[in-house]
Amino acid sequence: MFDNNSDPNFSEMMEQSPAQQPGPQRKPIDITTDLSAQTSNLERRLRMLEERYGLMQKREQMIEENMISTNKKVSIEIKVI
């Protein structure tokens, strides 16, 4: 049979609160650091989305300008015929 009283460290460990006991402990979460990291992440993602949206608008404008130019050329050719 195992005798808990034979180990003097065992009784000391049992008297300690769970936060004081040795072993793997959970680090307290720093809310401000976590919030700051999330804000930075959202800011980075928003900038990336804004940049993509701007590029899409430029592409759309270029496509529309090319369509207008092509339409004018076709109209002129039809008038000539």
PDB file of N, CA and C in Angstrom:
ATOM      1  N   MET A   1       0.836  -1.182   0.000  1.00  0.00           N
ATOM      2  CA  MET A   1       0.000   0.000   0.000  1.00  0.00           C
ATOM      3  C   MET A   1       0.882   1.247   0.000  1.00  0.00           C
ATOM      4  N   PHE A   2       0.432   2.298  -0.664  1.00  0.00           N
ATOM      5  CA  PHE A   2       1.185   3.537  -0.798  1.00  0.00           C
ATOM      6  C   PHE A   2       0.930   4.416   0.417  1.00  0.00           C
ATOM      7  N   ASP A   3       1.994   4.892   1.022  1.00  0.00           N
ATOM      8  CA  ASP A   3       1.862   5.730   2.217  1.00  0.00           C
ATOM      9  C   ASP A   3       2.176   7.169   1.834  1.00  0.00           C
ATOM     10  N   ASN A   4       1.179   8.025   1.854  1.00  0.00           N
ATOM     11  CA  ASN A   4       1.354   9.434   1.491  1.00  0.00           C
ATOM     12  C   ASN A   4       2.145  10.199   2.531  1.00  0.00           C
ATOM     13  N   ASN A   5       2.135   9.750   3.761  1.00  0.00           N
ATOM     14  CA  ASN A   5       2.811  10.479   4.833  1.00  0.00           C
ATOM     15  C   ASN A   5       4.317  10.286   4.792  1.00  0.00           C
ATOM     16  N   SER A   6       4.808   9.303   4.052  1.00  0.00           N
ATOM     17  CA  SER A   6       6.242   9.054   3.994  1.00  0.00           C
ATOM     18  C   SER A   6       6.964  10.114   3.164  1.00  0.00           C
ATOM     19  N   ASP A   7       6.280  10.768   2.273  1.00  0.00           N
ATOM     20  CA  ASP A   7       6.889  11.799   1.431  1.00  0.00           C
ATOM     21  C   ASP A   7       6.537  13.166   2.005  1.00  0.00           C
ATOM     22  N   PRO A   8       7.521  13.917   2.533  1.00  0.00           N
ATOM     23  CA  PRO A   8       7.207  15.227   3.129  1.00  0.00           C
ATOM     24  C   PRO A   8       6.741  16.242   2.085  1.00  0.00           C
ATOM     25  N   ASN A   9       7.172  16.116   0.846  1.00  0.00           N
ATOM     26  CA  ASN A   9       6.760  17.052  -0.200  1.00  0.00           C
ATOM     27  C   ASN A   9       5.303  16.854  -0.594  1.00  0.00           C
ATOM     28  N   PHE A  10       4.787  15.634  -0.408  1.00  0.00           N
ATOM     29  CA  PHE A  10       3.409  15.346  -0.793  1.00  0.00           C
ATOM     30  C   PHE A  10       2.426  16.176   0.026  1.00  0.00           C
ATOM     31  N   SER A  11       2.637  16.249   1.326  1.00  0.00           N
ATOM     32  CA  SER A  11       1.712  17.015   2.171  1.00  0.00           C
ATOM     33  C   SER A  11       1.792  18.503   1.850  1.00  0.00           C
ATOM     34  N   GLU A  12       3.002  18.993   1.513  1.00  0.00           N
ATOM     35  CA  GLU A  12       3.134  20.401   1.140  1.00  0.00           C
ATOM     36  C   GLU A  12       2.402  20.691  -0.165  1.00  0.00           C
ATOM     37  N   MET A  13       2.508  19.768  -1.112  1.00  0.00           N
ATOM     38  CA  MET A  13       1.832  19.949  -2.399  1.00  0.00           C
ATOM     39  C   MET A  13       0.322  19.940  -2.236  1.00  0.00           C
ATOM     40  N   MET A  14      -0.180  19.114  -1.336  1.00  0.00           N
ATOM     41  CA  MET A  14      -1.619  19.021  -1.131  1.00  0.00           C
ATOM     42  C   MET A  14      -2.170  20.278  -0.478  1.00  0.00           C
ATOM     43  N   GLU A  15      -1.341  20.973   0.304  1.00  0.00           N
ATOM     44  CA  GLU A  15      -1.788  22.185   0.984  1.00  0.00           C
ATOM     45  C   GLU A  15      -1.791  23.390   0.048  1.00  0.00           C
ATOM     46  N   GLN A  16      -1.023  23.329  -1.029  1.00  0.00           N
ATOM     47  CA  GLN A  16      -0.952  24.449  -1.964  1.00  0.00           C
ATOM     48  C   GLN A  16      -2.223  24.515  -2.800  1.00  0.00           C
ATOM     49  N   SER A  17      -2.583  25.726  -3.181  1.00  0.00           N
ATOM     50  CA  SER A  17      -3.734  25.896  -4.062  1.00  0.00           C
ATOM     51  C   SER A  17      -3.344  25.426  -5.464  1.00  0.00           C
ATOM     52  N   PRO A  18      -4.320  25.146  -6.325  1.00  0.00           N
ATOM     53  CA  PRO A  18      -4.001  24.673  -7.683  1.00  0.00           C
ATOM     54  C   PRO A  18      -3.114  25.635  -8.457  1.00  0.00           C
ATOM     55  N   ALA A  19      -3.245  26.931  -8.210  1.00  0.00           N
ATOM     56  CA  ALA A  19      -2.425  27.895  -8.939  1.00  0.00           C
ATOM     57  C   ALA A  19      -0.974  27.836  -8.486  1.00  0.00           C
ATOM     58  N   GLN A  20      -0.725  27.378  -7.245  1.00  0.00           N
ATOM     59  CA  GLN A  20       0.621  27.330  -6.715  1.00  0.00           C
ATOM     60  C   GLN A  20       1.295  25.991  -6.966  1.00  0.00           C
ATOM     61  N   GLN A  21       0.559  24.979  -7.334  1.00  0.00           N
ATOM     62  CA  GLN A  21       1.130  23.652  -7.521  1.00  0.00           C
ATOM     63  C   GLN A  21       2.050  23.648  -8.733  1.00  0.00           C
ATOM     64  N   PRO A  22       3.167  22.915  -8.609  1.00  0.00           N
ATOM     65  CA  PRO A  22       4.084  22.831  -9.750  1.00  0.00           C
ATOM     66  C   PRO A  22       3.467  22.029 -10.881  1.00  0.00           C
ATOM     67  N   GLY A  23       4.012  22.227 -12.057  1.00  0.00           N
ATOM     68  CA  GLY A  23       3.499  21.508 -13.216  1.00  0.00           C
ATOM     69  C   GLY A  23       3.038  22.481 -14.273  1.00  0.00           C
ATOM     70  N   PRO A  24       2.396  21.978 -15.309  1.00  0.00           N
ATOM     71  CA  PRO A  24       1.948  22.875 -16.383  1.00  0.00           C
ATOM     72  C   PRO A  24       0.893  23.839 -15.870  1.00  0.00           C
ATOM     73  N   GLN A  25       1.147  25.097 -16.090  1.00  0.00           N
ATOM     74  CA  GLN A  25       0.208  26.122 -15.640  1.00  0.00           C
ATOM     75  C   GLN A  25      -0.263  26.920 -16.839  1.00  0.00           C
ATOM     76  N   ARG A  26      -1.465  27.409 -16.756  1.00  0.00           N
ATOM     77  CA  ARG A  26      -2.015  28.247 -17.820  1.00  0.00           C
ATOM     78  C   ARG A  26      -1.598  29.679 -17.560  1.00  0.00           C
ATOM     79  N   LYS A  27      -1.101  30.314 -18.591  1.00  0.00           N
ATOM     80  CA  LYS A  27      -0.719  31.713 -18.463  1.00  0.00           C
ATOM     81  C   LYS A  27      -1.978  32.563 -18.506  1.00  0.00           C
ATOM     82  N   PRO A  28      -2.036  33.605 -17.691  1.00  0.00           N
ATOM     83  CA  PRO A  28      -3.209  34.483 -17.755  1.00  0.00           C
ATOM     84  C   PRO A  28      -3.230  35.216 -19.089  1.00  0.00           C
ATOM     85  N   ILE A  29      -4.388  35.365 -19.639  1.00  0.00           N
ATOM     86  CA  ILE A  29      -4.547  36.023 -20.933  1.00  0.00           C
ATOM     87  C   ILE A  29      -4.546  37.531 -20.715  1.00  0.00           C
ATOM     88  N   ASP A  30      -3.669  38.210 -21.412  1.00  0.00           N
ATOM     89  CA  ASP A  30      -3.625  39.664 -21.348  1.00  0.00           C
ATOM     90  C   ASP A  30      -4.625  40.186 -22.371  1.00  0.00           C
ATOM     91  N   ILE A  31      -5.725  40.705 -21.886  1.00  0.00           N
ATOM     92  CA  ILE A  31      -6.824  41.118 -22.761  1.00  0.00           C
ATOM     93  C   ILE A  31      -6.386  42.232 -23.709  1.00  0.00           C
ATOM     94  N   THR A  32      -5.601  43.177 -23.218  1.00  0.00           N
ATOM     95  CA  THR A  32      -5.202  44.291 -24.083  1.00  0.00           C
ATOM     96  C   THR A  32      -4.294  43.815 -25.209  1.00  0.00           C
ATOM     97  N   THR A  33      -3.396  42.886 -24.905  1.00  0.00           N
ATOM     98  CA  THR A  33      -2.512  42.355 -25.945  1.00  0.00           C
ATOM     99  C   THR A  33      -3.312  41.574 -26.969  1.00  0.00           C
ATOM    100  N   ASP A  34      -4.242  40.756 -26.483  1.00  0.00           N
ATOM    101  CA  ASP A  34      -5.080  39.963 -27.383  1.00  0.00           C
ATOM    102  C   ASP A  34      -5.936  40.876 -28.259  1.00  0.00           C
ATOM    103  N   LEU A  35      -6.527  41.893 -27.661  1.00  0.00           N
ATOM    104  CA  LEU A  35      -7.365  42.831 -28.406  1.00  0.00           C
ATOM    105  C   LEU A  35      -6.536  43.603 -29.425  1.00  0.00           C
ATOM    106  N   SER A  36      -5.339  44.000 -29.027  1.00  0.00           N
ATOM    107  CA  SER A  36      -4.455  44.724 -29.939  1.00  0.00           C
ATOM    108  C   SER A  36      -4.058  43.849 -31.126  1.00  0.00           C
ATOM    109  N   ALA A  37      -3.772  42.584 -30.856  1.00  0.00           N
ATOM    110  CA  ALA A  37      -3.401  41.663 -31.933  1.00  0.00           C
ATOM    111  C   ALA A  37      -4.566  41.445 -32.883  1.00  0.00           C
ATOM    112  N   GLN A  38      -5.760  41.294 -32.339  1.00  0.00           N
ATOM    113  CA  GLN A  38      -6.937  41.098 -33.188  1.00  0.00           C
ATOM    114  C   GLN A  38      -7.213  42.343 -34.023  1.00  0.00           C
ATOM    115  N   THR A  39      -7.052  43.517 -33.419  1.00  0.00           N
ATOM    116  CA  THR A  39      -7.273  44.769 -34.143  1.00  0.00           C
ATOM    117  C   THR A  39      -6.262  44.913 -35.277  1.00  0.00           C
ATOM    118  N   SER A  40      -5.008  44.606 -34.996  1.00  0.00           N
ATOM    119  CA  SER A  40      -3.976  44.681 -36.034  1.00  0.00           C
ATOM    120  C   SER A  40      -4.268  43.708 -37.167  1.00  0.00           C
ATOM    121  N   ASN A  41      -4.708  42.519 -36.812  1.00  0.00           N
ATOM    122  CA  ASN A  41      -5.041  41.506 -37.817  1.00  0.00           C
ATOM    123  C   ASN A  41      -6.203  41.983 -38.687  1.00  0.00           C
ATOM    124  N   LEU A  42      -7.243  42.524 -38.061  1.00  0.00           N
ATOM    125  CA  LEU A  42      -8.391  43.028 -38.824  1.00  0.00           C
ATOM    126  C   LEU A  42      -7.996  44.200 -39.712  1.00  0.00           C
ATOM    127  N   GLU A  43      -7.138  45.075 -39.194  1.00  0.00           N
ATOM    128  CA  GLU A  43      -6.687  46.228 -39.970  1.00  0.00           C
ATOM    129  C   GLU A  43      -5.914  45.770 -41.209  1.00  0.00           C
ATOM    130  N   ARG A  44      -5.036  44.786 -41.031  1.00  0.00           N
ATOM    131  CA  ARG A  44      -4.254  44.251 -42.147  1.00  0.00           C
ATOM    132  C   ARG A  44      -5.164  43.615 -43.188  1.00  0.00           C
ATOM    133  N   ARG A  45      -6.145  42.840 -42.728  1.00  0.00           N
ATOM    134  CA  ARG A  45      -7.067  42.182 -43.652  1.00  0.00           C
ATOM    135  C   ARG A  45      -7.933  43.203 -44.388  1.00  0.00           C
ATOM    136  N   LEU A  46      -8.361  44.255 -43.698  1.00  0.00           N
ATOM    137  CA  LEU A  46      -9.178  45.289 -44.330  1.00  0.00           C
ATOM    138  C   LEU A  46      -8.389  46.014 -45.412  1.00  0.00           C
ATOM    139  N   ARG A  47      -7.118  46.342 -45.125  1.00  0.00           N
ATOM    140  CA  ARG A  47      -6.289  46.998 -46.137  1.00  0.00           C
ATOM    141  C   ARG A  47      -6.130  46.125 -47.372  1.00  0.00           C
ATOM    142  N   MET A  48      -5.936  44.833 -47.138  1.00  0.00           N
ATOM    143  CA  MET A  48      -5.779  43.903 -48.257  1.00  0.00           C
ATOM    144  C   MET A  48      -7.059  43.852 -49.089  1.00  0.00           C
ATOM    145  N   LEU A  49      -8.218  43.800 -48.431  1.00  0.00           N
ATOM    146  CA  LEU A  49      -9.490  43.775 -49.162  1.00  0.00           C
ATOM    147  C   LEU A  49      -9.718  45.077 -49.928  1.00  0.00           C
ATOM    148  N   GLU A  50      -9.373  46.210 -49.310  1.00  0.00           N
ATOM    149  CA  GLU A  50      -9.522  47.493 -49.998  1.00  0.00           C
ATOM    150  C   GLU A  50      -8.636  47.545 -51.236  1.00  0.00           C
ATOM    151  N   GLU A  51      -7.420  47.029 -51.118  1.00  0.00           N
ATOM    152  CA  GLU A  51      -6.513  47.015 -52.267  1.00  0.00           C
ATOM    153  C   GLU A  51      -7.066  46.136 -53.384  1.00  0.00           C
ATOM    154  N   ARG A  52      -7.569  44.972 -53.032  1.00  0.00           N
ATOM    155  CA  ARG A  52      -8.160  44.080 -54.039  1.00  0.00           C
ATOM    156  C   ARG A  52      -9.368  44.729 -54.698  1.00  0.00           C
ATOM    157  N   TYR A  53     -10.195  45.398 -53.913  1.00  0.00           N
ATOM    158  CA  TYR A  53     -11.377  46.065 -54.454  1.00  0.00           C
ATOM    159  C   TYR A  53     -10.958  47.163 -55.424  1.00  0.00           C
ATOM    160  N   GLY A  54      -9.931  47.921 -55.057  1.00  0.00           N
ATOM    161  CA  GLY A  54      -9.429  48.971 -55.937  1.00  0.00           C
ATOM    162  C   GLY A  54      -8.898  48.411 -57.245  1.00  0.00           C
ATOM    163  N   LEU A  55      -8.178  47.294 -57.171  1.00  0.00           N
ATOM    164  CA  LEU A  55      -7.671  46.656 -58.393  1.00  0.00           C
ATOM    165  C   LEU A  55      -8.812  46.167 -59.272  1.00  0.00           C
ATOM    166  N   MET A  56      -9.844  45.614 -58.650  1.00  0.00           N
ATOM    167  CA  MET A  56     -11.001  45.147 -59.428  1.00  0.00           C
ATOM    168  C   MET A  56     -11.697  46.312 -60.116  1.00  0.00           C
ATOM    169  N   GLN A  57     -11.800  47.455 -59.435  1.00  0.00           N
ATOM    170  CA  GLN A  57     -12.429  48.632 -60.047  1.00  0.00           C
ATOM    171  C   GLN A  57     -11.611  49.116 -61.243  1.00  0.00           C
ATOM    172  N   LYS A  58     -10.282  49.111 -61.105  1.00  0.00           N
ATOM    173  CA  LYS A  58      -9.426  49.534 -62.218  1.00  0.00           C
ATOM    174  C   LYS A  58      -9.577  48.597 -63.413  1.00  0.00           C
ATOM    175  N   ARG A  59      -9.614  47.301 -63.135  1.00  0.00           N
ATOM    176  CA  ARG A  59      -9.798  46.325 -64.223  1.00  0.00           C
ATOM    177  C   ARG A  59     -11.148  46.515 -64.903  1.00  0.00           C
ATOM    178  N   GLU A  60     -12.179  46.726 -64.100  1.00  0.00           N
ATOM    179  CA  GLU A  60     -13.523  46.936 -64.659  1.00  0.00           C
ATOM    180  C   GLU A  60     -13.545  48.182 -65.541  1.00  0.00           C
ATOM    181  N   GLN A  61     -12.912  49.247 -65.079  1.00  0.00           N
ATOM    182  CA  GLN A  61     -12.878  50.477 -65.856  1.00  0.00           C
ATOM    183  C   GLN A  61     -12.138  50.256 -67.176  1.00  0.00           C
ATOM    184  N   MET A  62     -11.022  49.536 -67.130  1.00  0.00           N
ATOM    185  CA  MET A  62     -10.266  49.264 -68.346  1.00  0.00           C
ATOM    186  C   MET A  62     -11.090  48.428 -69.325  1.00  0.00           C
ATOM    187  N   ILE A  63     -11.798  47.427 -68.817  1.00  0.00           N
ATOM    188  CA  ILE A  63     -12.642  46.583 -69.672  1.00  0.00           C
ATOM    189  C   ILE A  63     -13.747  47.417 -70.308  1.00  0.00           C
ATOM    190  N   GLU A  64     -14.380  48.286 -69.529  1.00  0.00           N
ATOM    191  CA  GLU A  64     -15.457  49.131 -70.070  1.00  0.00           C
ATOM    192  C   GLU A  64     -14.920  50.077 -71.134  1.00  0.00           C
ATOM    193  N   GLU A  65     -13.740  50.660 -70.895  1.00  0.00           N
ATOM    194  CA  GLU A  65     -13.150  51.558 -71.884  1.00  0.00           C
ATOM    195  C   GLU A  65     -12.827  50.804 -73.175  1.00  0.00           C
ATOM    196  N   ASN A  66     -12.315  49.594 -73.042  1.00  0.00           N
ATOM    197  CA  ASN A  66     -12.023  48.780 -74.230  1.00  0.00           C
ATOM    198  C   ASN A  66     -13.306  48.416 -74.974  1.00  0.00           C
ATOM    199  N   MET A  67     -14.370  48.114 -74.232  1.00  0.00           N
ATOM    200  CA  MET A  67     -15.654  47.791 -74.870  1.00  0.00           C
ATOM    201  C   MET A  67     -16.199  48.997 -75.618  1.00  0.00           C
ATOM    202  N   ILE A  68     -16.099  50.176 -75.031  1.00  0.00           N
ATOM    203  CA  ILE A  68     -16.580  51.395 -75.689  1.00  0.00           C
ATOM    204  C   ILE A  68     -15.770  51.652 -76.958  1.00  0.00           C
ATOM    205  N   SER A  69     -14.455  51.515 -76.848  1.00  0.00           N
ATOM    206  CA  SER A  69     -13.590  51.727 -78.007  1.00  0.00           C
ATOM    207  C   SER A  69     -13.910  50.737 -79.127  1.00  0.00           C
ATOM    208  N   THR A  70     -14.074  49.478 -78.761  1.00  0.00           N
ATOM    209  CA  THR A  70     -14.408  48.448 -79.756  1.00  0.00           C
ATOM    210  C   THR A  70     -15.767  48.726 -80.377  1.00  0.00           C
ATOM    211  N   ASN A  71     -16.717  49.141 -79.570  1.00  0.00           N
ATOM    212  CA  ASN A  71     -18.066  49.446 -80.060  1.00  0.00           C
ATOM    213  C   ASN A  71     -18.026  50.606 -81.058  1.00  0.00           C
ATOM    214  N   LYS A  72     -17.228  51.628 -80.783  1.00  0.00           N
ATOM    215  CA  LYS A  72     -17.104  52.763 -81.703  1.00  0.00           C
ATOM    216  C   LYS A  72     -16.498  52.314 -83.034  1.00  0.00           C
ATOM    217  N   LYS A  73     -15.456  51.472 -82.950  1.00  0.00           N
ATOM    218  CA  LYS A  73     -14.819  50.979 -84.176  1.00  0.00           C
ATOM    219  C   LYS A  73     -15.801  50.170 -85.015  1.00  0.00           C
ATOM    220  N   VAL A  74     -16.567  49.313 -84.368  1.00  0.00           N
ATOM    221  CA  VAL A  74     -17.546  48.488 -85.082  1.00  0.00           C
ATOM    222  C   VAL A  74     -18.630  49.378 -85.686  1.00  0.00           C
ATOM    223  N   SER A  75     -19.066  50.393 -84.959  1.00  0.00           N
ATOM    224  CA  SER A  75     -20.090  51.314 -85.479  1.00  0.00           C
ATOM    225  C   SER A  75     -19.585  52.033 -86.721  1.00  0.00           C
ATOM    226  N   ILE A  76     -18.356  52.487 -86.681  1.00  0.00           N
ATOM    227  CA  ILE A  76     -17.776  53.180 -87.833  1.00  0.00           C
ATOM    228  C   ILE A  76     -17.682  52.239 -89.031  1.00  0.00           C
ATOM    229  N   GLU A  77     -17.267  51.008 -88.793  1.00  0.00           N
ATOM    230  CA  GLU A  77     -17.166  50.033 -89.888  1.00  0.00           C
ATOM    231  C   GLU A  77     -18.534  49.729 -90.486  1.00  0.00           C
ATOM    232  N   ILE A  78     -19.552  49.650 -89.649  1.00  0.00           N
ATOM    233  CA  ILE A  78     -20.912  49.384 -90.143  1.00  0.00           C
ATOM    234  C   ILE A  78     -21.397  50.562 -90.987  1.00  0.00           C
ATOM    235  N   LYS A  79     -21.106  51.786 -90.569  1.00  0.00           N
ATOM    236  CA  LYS A  79     -21.522  52.966 -91.327  1.00  0.00           C
ATOM    237  C   LYS A  79     -20.831  53.006 -92.690  1.00  0.00           C
ATOM    238  N   VAL A  80     -19.591  52.573 -92.744  1.00  0.00           N
ATOM    239  CA  VAL A  80     -18.838  52.575 -93.995  1.00  0.00           C
ATOM    240  C   VAL A  80     -19.456  51.588 -94.974  1.00  0.00           C
ATOM    241  N   ILE A  81     -19.916  50.473 -94.481  1.00  0.00           N
ATOM    242  CA  ILE A  81     -20.499  49.446 -95.348  1.00  0.00           C
ATOM    243  C   ILE A  81     -21.836  49.944 -95.780  1.00  0.00           C
TER     244      ILE A  81
END
